C-alpha atoms as a PDB file:
ATOM      1  CA  MET A   1      62.329 -70.537  45.713  1.00  0.00           C
ATOM      2  CA  ARG A   2      58.542 -70.697  45.709  1.00  0.00           C
ATOM      3  CA  LYS A   3      58.374 -68.198  48.580  1.00  0.00           C
ATOM      4  CA  LEU A   4      60.622 -65.789  46.679  1.00  0.00           C
ATOM      5  CA  TYR A   5      58.518 -66.143  43.540  1.00  0.00           C
ATOM      6  CA  PHE A   6      55.325 -65.574  45.512  1.00  0.00           C
ATOM      7  CA  LEU A   7      56.783 -62.469  47.176  1.00  0.00           C
ATOM      8  CA  CYS A   8      57.853 -60.994  43.821  1.00  0.00           C
ATOM      9  CA  PHE A   9      54.451 -61.757  42.306  1.00  0.00           C
ATOM     10  CA  THR A  10      52.660 -60.156  45.245  1.00  0.00           C
ATOM     11  CA  LEU A  11      54.769 -57.011  45.018  1.00  0.00           C
ATOM     12  CA  LEU A  12      54.165 -56.800  41.278  1.00  0.00           C
ATOM     13  CA  MET A  13      50.399 -57.125  41.649  1.00  0.00           C
ATOM     14  CA  THR A  14      50.348 -54.609  44.488  1.00  0.00           C
ATOM     15  CA  GLY A  15      52.220 -52.101  42.345  1.00  0.00           C
ATOM     16  CA  MET A  16      49.878 -52.713  39.413  1.00  0.00           C
ATOM     17  CA  SER A  17      46.827 -52.268  41.620  1.00  0.00           C
ATOM     18  CA  PHE A  18      48.128 -49.030  43.095  1.00  0.00           C
ATOM     19  CA  GLY A  19      48.842 -47.714  39.609  1.00  0.00           C
ATOM     20  CA  GLN A  20      45.142 -48.076  38.760  1.00  0.00           C
ATOM     21  CA  ASP A  21      43.943 -45.991  41.702  1.00  0.00           C
ATOM     22  CA  LEU A  22      43.220 -42.993  39.459  1.00  0.00           C
ATOM     23  CA  ILE A  23      41.587 -43.107  36.029  1.00  0.00           C
ATOM     24  CA  ILE A  24      40.262 -40.694  33.409  1.00  0.00           C
ATOM     25  CA  THR A  25      36.473 -40.905  33.304  1.00  0.00           C
ATOM     26  CA  GLY A  26      35.376 -37.925  31.248  1.00  0.00           C
ATOM     27  CA  ALA A  27      36.370 -35.115  28.910  1.00  0.00           C
ATOM     28  CA  ILE A  28      34.311 -32.063  28.001  1.00  0.00           C
ATOM     29  CA  ASP A  29      34.648 -29.118  25.616  1.00  0.00           C
ATOM     30  CA  GLY A  30      31.875 -26.940  26.978  1.00  0.00           C
ATOM     31  CA  PRO A  31      29.394 -24.536  25.386  1.00  0.00           C
ATOM     32  CA  LEU A  32      29.901 -21.445  27.546  1.00  0.00           C
ATOM     33  CA  PRO A  33      31.844 -18.499  26.087  1.00  0.00           C
ATOM     34  CA  GLY A  34      35.503 -19.476  25.665  1.00  0.00           C
ATOM     35  CA  GLY A  35      34.596 -23.169  25.532  1.00  0.00           C
ATOM     36  CA  PHE A  36      34.067 -23.543  29.278  1.00  0.00           C
ATOM     37  CA  PRO A  37      33.914 -25.815  31.107  1.00  0.00           C
ATOM     38  CA  LYS A  38      36.930 -27.330  29.331  1.00  0.00           C
ATOM     39  CA  GLY A  39      38.820 -30.192  30.954  1.00  0.00           C
ATOM     40  CA  ILE A  40      38.576 -33.714  32.322  1.00  0.00           C
ATOM     41  CA  GLU A  41      37.036 -35.743  35.112  1.00  0.00           C
ATOM     42  CA  LEU A  42      39.096 -38.299  37.050  1.00  0.00           C
ATOM     43  CA  TYR A  43      37.862 -41.018  39.407  1.00  0.00           C
ATOM     44  CA  VAL A  44      39.664 -42.230  42.535  1.00  0.00           C
ATOM     45  CA  VAL A  45      39.316 -46.022  42.685  1.00  0.00           C
ATOM     46  CA  ASN A  46      41.204 -46.493  45.970  1.00  0.00           C
ATOM     47  CA  ASP A  47      42.420 -44.035  48.599  1.00  0.00           C
ATOM     48  CA  ILE A  48      45.362 -41.963  47.393  1.00  0.00           C
ATOM     49  CA  ALA A  49      47.648 -40.562  50.099  1.00  0.00           C
ATOM     50  CA  ASP A  50      49.883 -38.574  47.733  1.00  0.00           C
ATOM     51  CA  LEU A  51      48.455 -37.428  44.399  1.00  0.00           C
ATOM     52  CA  SER A  52      51.852 -36.114  43.274  1.00  0.00           C
ATOM     53  CA  VAL A  53      52.745 -39.572  41.946  1.00  0.00           C
ATOM     54  CA  TYR A  54      50.335 -38.724  39.094  1.00  0.00           C
ATOM     55  CA  GLY A  55      50.642 -36.232  36.250  1.00  0.00           C
ATOM     56  CA  LEU A  56      49.153 -35.244  32.896  1.00  0.00           C
ATOM     57  CA  GLU A  57      50.215 -34.506  29.337  1.00  0.00           C
ATOM     58  CA  ARG A  58      48.258 -33.333  26.290  1.00  0.00           C
ATOM     59  CA  ALA A  59      49.232 -34.619  22.855  1.00  0.00           C
ATOM     60  CA  GLY A  60      47.451 -32.075  20.669  1.00  0.00           C
ATOM     61  CA  ASN A  61      46.346 -32.084  17.046  1.00  0.00           C
ATOM     62  CA  GLY A  62      47.863 -35.454  16.243  1.00  0.00           C
ATOM     63  CA  ASP A  63      51.231 -34.730  17.826  1.00  0.00           C
ATOM     64  CA  PRO A  64      53.067 -37.649  19.428  1.00  0.00           C
ATOM     65  CA  SER A  65      53.616 -37.816  23.157  1.00  0.00           C
ATOM     66  CA  SER A  66      56.806 -36.237  24.462  1.00  0.00           C
ATOM     67  CA  GLY A  67      57.102 -39.218  26.783  1.00  0.00           C
ATOM     68  CA  ALA A  68      56.893 -37.060  29.893  1.00  0.00           C
ATOM     69  CA  GLN A  69      54.157 -35.398  31.895  1.00  0.00           C
ATOM     70  CA  THR A  70      53.857 -31.625  31.668  1.00  0.00           C
ATOM     71  CA  TYR A  71      51.801 -31.271  34.835  1.00  0.00           C
ATOM     72  CA  THR A  72      52.331 -32.918  38.216  1.00  0.00           C
ATOM     73  CA  PHE A  73      49.527 -32.925  40.765  1.00  0.00           C
ATOM     74  CA  PRO A  74      50.216 -31.497  44.220  1.00  0.00           C
ATOM     75  CA  ALA A  75      50.766 -33.876  47.147  1.00  0.00           C
ATOM     76  CA  ASP A  76      47.098 -33.923  48.120  1.00  0.00           C
ATOM     77  CA  SER A  77      45.176 -36.904  49.447  1.00  0.00           C
ATOM     78  CA  HIS A  78      41.879 -38.160  48.011  1.00  0.00           C
ATOM     79  CA  ASN A  79      39.415 -40.807  49.096  1.00  0.00           C
ATOM     80  CA  ALA A  80      38.079 -43.735  47.117  1.00  0.00           C
ATOM     81  CA  GLY A  81      34.976 -42.660  45.230  1.00  0.00           C
ATOM     82  CA  ASP A  82      36.098 -39.038  44.811  1.00  0.00           C
ATOM     83  CA  PHE A  83      35.756 -37.339  41.450  1.00  0.00           C
ATOM     84  CA  ILE A  84      38.494 -34.861  40.555  1.00  0.00           C
ATOM     85  CA  TYR A  85      37.993 -32.092  38.004  1.00  0.00           C
ATOM     86  CA  VAL A  86      40.885 -30.527  36.131  1.00  0.00           C
ATOM     87  CA  GLY A  87      40.225 -27.507  33.935  1.00  0.00           C
ATOM     88  CA  LYS A  88      41.971 -25.190  31.536  1.00  0.00           C
ATOM     89  CA  PRO A  89      43.886 -22.444  33.382  1.00  0.00           C
ATOM     90  CA  ASP A  90      41.679 -19.370  33.087  1.00  0.00           C
ATOM     91  CA  ALA A  91      39.804 -16.938  35.296  1.00  0.00           C
ATOM     92  CA  ASN A  92      36.541 -18.385  33.942  1.00  0.00           C
ATOM     93  CA  SER A  93      37.368 -22.053  34.606  1.00  0.00           C
ATOM     94  CA  THR A  94      36.099 -22.212  38.178  1.00  0.00           C
ATOM     95  CA  SER A  95      32.851 -20.402  37.390  1.00  0.00           C
ATOM     96  CA  GLY A  96      32.370 -22.424  34.214  1.00  0.00           C
ATOM     97  CA  PHE A  97      32.573 -25.759  36.035  1.00  0.00           C
ATOM     98  CA  ALA A  98      30.339 -24.455  38.837  1.00  0.00           C
ATOM     99  CA  GLN A  99      27.702 -22.988  36.537  1.00  0.00           C
ATOM    100  CA  TYR A 100      27.505 -25.645  33.876  1.00  0.00           C
ATOM    101  CA  LEU A 101      28.366 -28.871  35.710  1.00  0.00           C
ATOM    102  CA  ASN A 102      27.579 -27.819  39.295  1.00  0.00           C
ATOM    103  CA  VAL A 103      30.926 -29.165  40.496  1.00  0.00           C
ATOM    104  CA  THR A 104      33.977 -27.655  42.178  1.00  0.00           C
ATOM    105  CA  LEU A 105      37.070 -27.373  40.000  1.00  0.00           C
ATOM    106  CA  ASN A 106      39.963 -29.025  41.842  1.00  0.00           C
ATOM    107  CA  TYR A 107      42.988 -28.205  39.681  1.00  0.00           C
ATOM    108  CA  GLU A 108      43.964 -26.221  36.595  1.00  0.00           C
ATOM    109  CA  SER A 109      46.474 -27.316  33.955  1.00  0.00           C
ATOM    110  CA  SER A 110      47.207 -26.527  30.309  1.00  0.00           C
ATOM    111  CA  ALA A 111      47.517 -30.307  29.867  1.00  0.00           C
ATOM    112  CA  VAL A 112      43.702 -30.436  29.635  1.00  0.00           C
ATOM    113  CA  ASP A 113      43.295 -27.408  27.343  1.00  0.00           C
ATOM    114  CA  HIS A 114      41.907 -29.611  24.585  1.00  0.00           C
ATOM    115  CA  ASN A 115      39.649 -28.826  21.625  1.00  0.00           C
ATOM    116  CA  GLY A 116      37.939 -32.194  21.428  1.00  0.00           C
ATOM    117  CA  ASN A 117      40.512 -33.670  19.056  1.00  0.00           C
ATOM    118  CA  ASP A 118      43.470 -33.994  21.430  1.00  0.00           C
ATOM    119  CA  ALA A 119      44.730 -36.964  23.440  1.00  0.00           C
ATOM    120  CA  ILE A 120      45.206 -36.577  27.192  1.00  0.00           C
ATOM    121  CA  ILE A 121      47.605 -38.900  28.999  1.00  0.00           C
ATOM    122  CA  LEU A 122      47.553 -39.751  32.706  1.00  0.00           C
ATOM    123  CA  TYR A 123      50.936 -40.676  34.185  1.00  0.00           C
ATOM    124  CA  PHE A 124      51.698 -42.732  37.279  1.00  0.00           C
ATOM    125  CA  ASN A 125      55.272 -42.616  38.622  1.00  0.00           C
ATOM    126  CA  GLY A 126      56.420 -41.146  35.302  1.00  0.00           C
ATOM    127  CA  ALA A 127      54.846 -43.786  33.054  1.00  0.00           C
ATOM    128  CA  PRO A 128      51.551 -43.619  31.114  1.00  0.00           C
ATOM    129  CA  SER A 129      48.767 -45.407  33.006  1.00  0.00           C
ATOM    130  CA  ASP A 130      45.644 -44.208  31.181  1.00  0.00           C
ATOM    131  CA  VAL A 131      44.792 -42.184  28.078  1.00  0.00           C
ATOM    132  CA  PHE A 132      41.845 -40.496  26.460  1.00  0.00           C
ATOM    133  CA  GLY A 133      42.114 -40.328  22.672  1.00  0.00           C
ATOM    134  CA  GLU A 134      44.602 -41.838  20.264  1.00  0.00           C
ATOM    135  CA  VAL A 135      48.071 -40.402  20.755  1.00  0.00           C
ATOM    136  CA  GLY A 136      49.566 -39.322  17.426  1.00  0.00           C
ATOM    137  CA  VAL A 137      46.147 -39.040  15.766  1.00  0.00           C
ATOM    138  CA  ASN A 138      44.194 -35.829  15.169  1.00  0.00           C
ATOM    139  CA  GLY A 139      40.766 -36.639  16.552  1.00  0.00           C
ATOM    140  CA  SER A 140      38.845 -34.481  14.059  1.00  0.00           C
ATOM    141  CA  GLY A 141      36.484 -36.831  12.258  1.00  0.00           C
ATOM    142  CA  GLU A 142      37.431 -39.772  14.483  1.00  0.00           C
ATOM    143  CA  SER A 143      34.926 -41.716  16.598  1.00  0.00           C
ATOM    144  CA  TRP A 144      36.292 -40.152  19.775  1.00  0.00           C
ATOM    145  CA  GLU A 145      36.080 -36.511  18.685  1.00  0.00           C
ATOM    146  CA  CYS A 146      34.314 -34.391  21.301  1.00  0.00           C
ATOM    147  CA  LYS A 147      34.636 -30.868  19.886  1.00  0.00           C
ATOM    148  CA  ASP A 148      31.852 -28.834  21.505  1.00  0.00           C
ATOM    149  CA  GLY A 149      30.795 -32.074  23.149  1.00  0.00           C
ATOM    150  CA  TRP A 150      31.848 -34.710  25.640  1.00  0.00           C
ATOM    151  CA  ALA A 151      33.138 -38.247  26.161  1.00  0.00           C
ATOM    152  CA  TYR A 152      32.520 -40.487  29.180  1.00  0.00           C
ATOM    153  CA  ARG A 153      34.039 -43.794  30.251  1.00  0.00           C
ATOM    154  CA  ASN A 154      31.677 -46.767  30.461  1.00  0.00           C
ATOM    155  CA  ASP A 155      31.153 -48.306  33.899  1.00  0.00           C
ATOM    156  CA  ASN A 156      33.531 -51.119  34.859  1.00  0.00           C
ATOM    157  CA  SER A 157      35.955 -50.419  32.009  1.00  0.00           C
ATOM    158  CA  SER A 158      39.614 -50.461  32.974  1.00  0.00           C
ATOM    159  CA  PRO A 159      42.273 -47.800  32.461  1.00  0.00           C
ATOM    160  CA  SER A 160      44.870 -48.472  29.806  1.00  0.00           C
ATOM    161  CA  ALA A 161      47.749 -46.684  28.121  1.00  0.00           C
ATOM    162  CA  THR A 162      46.181 -47.850  24.841  1.00  0.00           C
ATOM    163  CA  PHE A 163      42.911 -46.072  24.016  1.00  0.00           C
ATOM    164  CA  SER A 164      39.838 -48.107  23.049  1.00  0.00           C
ATOM    165  CA  ASP A 165      36.756 -46.182  21.936  1.00  0.00           C
ATOM    166  CA  SER A 166      34.580 -49.215  22.779  1.00  0.00           C
ATOM    167  CA  GLU A 167      35.084 -48.386  26.459  1.00  0.00           C
ATOM    168  CA  TRP A 168      33.621 -44.888  26.078  1.00  0.00           C
ATOM    169  CA  THR A 169      30.348 -43.146  25.248  1.00  0.00           C
ATOM    170  CA  PHE A 170      30.495 -40.043  23.042  1.00  0.00           C
ATOM    171  CA  SER A 171      28.103 -37.149  22.512  1.00  0.00           C
ATOM    172  CA  GLY A 172      29.479 -36.564  19.040  1.00  0.00           C
ATOM    173  CA  PRO A 173      30.934 -33.216  17.898  1.00  0.00           C
ATOM    174  CA  ASP A 174      28.844 -30.046  18.257  1.00  0.00           C
ATOM    175  CA  ALA A 175      26.366 -31.784  20.584  1.00  0.00           C
ATOM    176  CA  LEU A 176      26.583 -28.878  23.052  1.00  0.00           C
ATOM    177  CA  ASP A 177      26.071 -26.112  20.506  1.00  0.00           C
ATOM    178  CA  GLY A 178      23.461 -23.705  21.819  1.00  0.00           C
ATOM    179  CA  CYS A 179      23.447 -25.150  25.335  1.00  0.00           C
ATOM    180  CA  ASP A 180      24.808 -21.920  26.804  1.00  0.00           C
ATOM    181  CA  GLY A 181      21.480 -20.171  26.166  1.00  0.00           C
ATOM    182  CA  SER A 182      21.019 -16.752  24.642  1.00  0.00           C
ATOM    183  CA  ASP A 183      22.098 -15.108  27.909  1.00  0.00           C
ATOM    184  CA  ASP A 184      25.017 -17.477  28.637  1.00  0.00           C
ATOM    185  CA  THR A 185      23.303 -19.010  31.655  1.00  0.00           C
ATOM    186  CA  GLY A 186      23.194 -22.544  30.268  1.00  0.00           C
ATOM    187  CA  THR A 187      23.573 -25.629  32.424  1.00  0.00           C
ATOM    188  CA  ASN A 188      24.277 -29.297  31.832  1.00  0.00           C
ATOM    189  CA  ALA A 189      20.841 -30.246  33.154  1.00  0.00           C
ATOM    190  CA  GLY A 190      19.163 -27.925  30.679  1.00  0.00           C
ATOM    191  CA  CYS A 191      21.034 -29.274  27.646  1.00  0.00           C
ATOM    192  CA  ALA A 192      19.635 -31.901  25.287  1.00  0.00           C
ATOM    193  CA  SER A 193      22.981 -33.733  25.472  1.00  0.00           C
ATOM    194  CA  VAL A 194      23.728 -34.228  29.177  1.00  0.00           C
ATOM    195  CA  PHE A 195      27.302 -34.920  30.249  1.00  0.00           C
ATOM    196  CA  PRO A 196      26.942 -37.745  32.843  1.00  0.00           C
ATOM    197  CA  VAL A 197      29.087 -35.932  35.373  1.00  0.00           C
ATOM    198  CA  GLY A 198      30.138 -37.908  38.451  1.00  0.00           C
ATOM    199  CA  THR A 199      28.328 -41.115  37.482  1.00  0.00           C
ATOM    200  CA  PHE A 200      31.163 -43.550  36.757  1.00  0.00           C
ATOM    201  CA  SER A 201      31.199 -46.671  38.904  1.00  0.00           C
ATOM    202  CA  THR A 202      33.263 -49.835  38.972  1.00  0.00           C
ATOM    203  CA  THR A 203      33.253 -53.205  40.666  1.00  0.00           C
ATOM    204  CA  LEU A 204      36.571 -54.272  39.120  1.00  0.00           C
END
């Protein structure tokens, strides 16, 4: 009986651990024309052989979650320590991420077409595993609002389907206003409010 219990416990913990292999680490509503770069950053905690077990949903303007992902990642593999960038589907998304953040956009999805007051849900095997923002709450005026700004997960904080603003750092709304420059050549490095792109780390 003890062996059976131990086996069940081990399988449960293994499944829980695998479910935490991908987490949301940042959200940005950029200053370039059209609000670019607009999207999220994800961090790969452990090697992922098949990213298609994950998906995304946006619960916008205080709307509740539909309970199902609207975007499923392709069956790509990623290594532990990788950062993944998902942007709004648009011809300017790739250039916006490259110019402003100096990163390569990996995927595009309307699930991350947020305006700084929307919740974004990460799914694992069809169930919520992490979330940015409070689902069912319009973020305008809330602590986690990042309209024309950004939000970034604090090091060593854990993913959760229940959002906690204490685990995040926020620029505050309108922090990126004017950071595009008069000729629209603005960069993250040249902005007074720097999005800490690709800096998340964890020992958990």
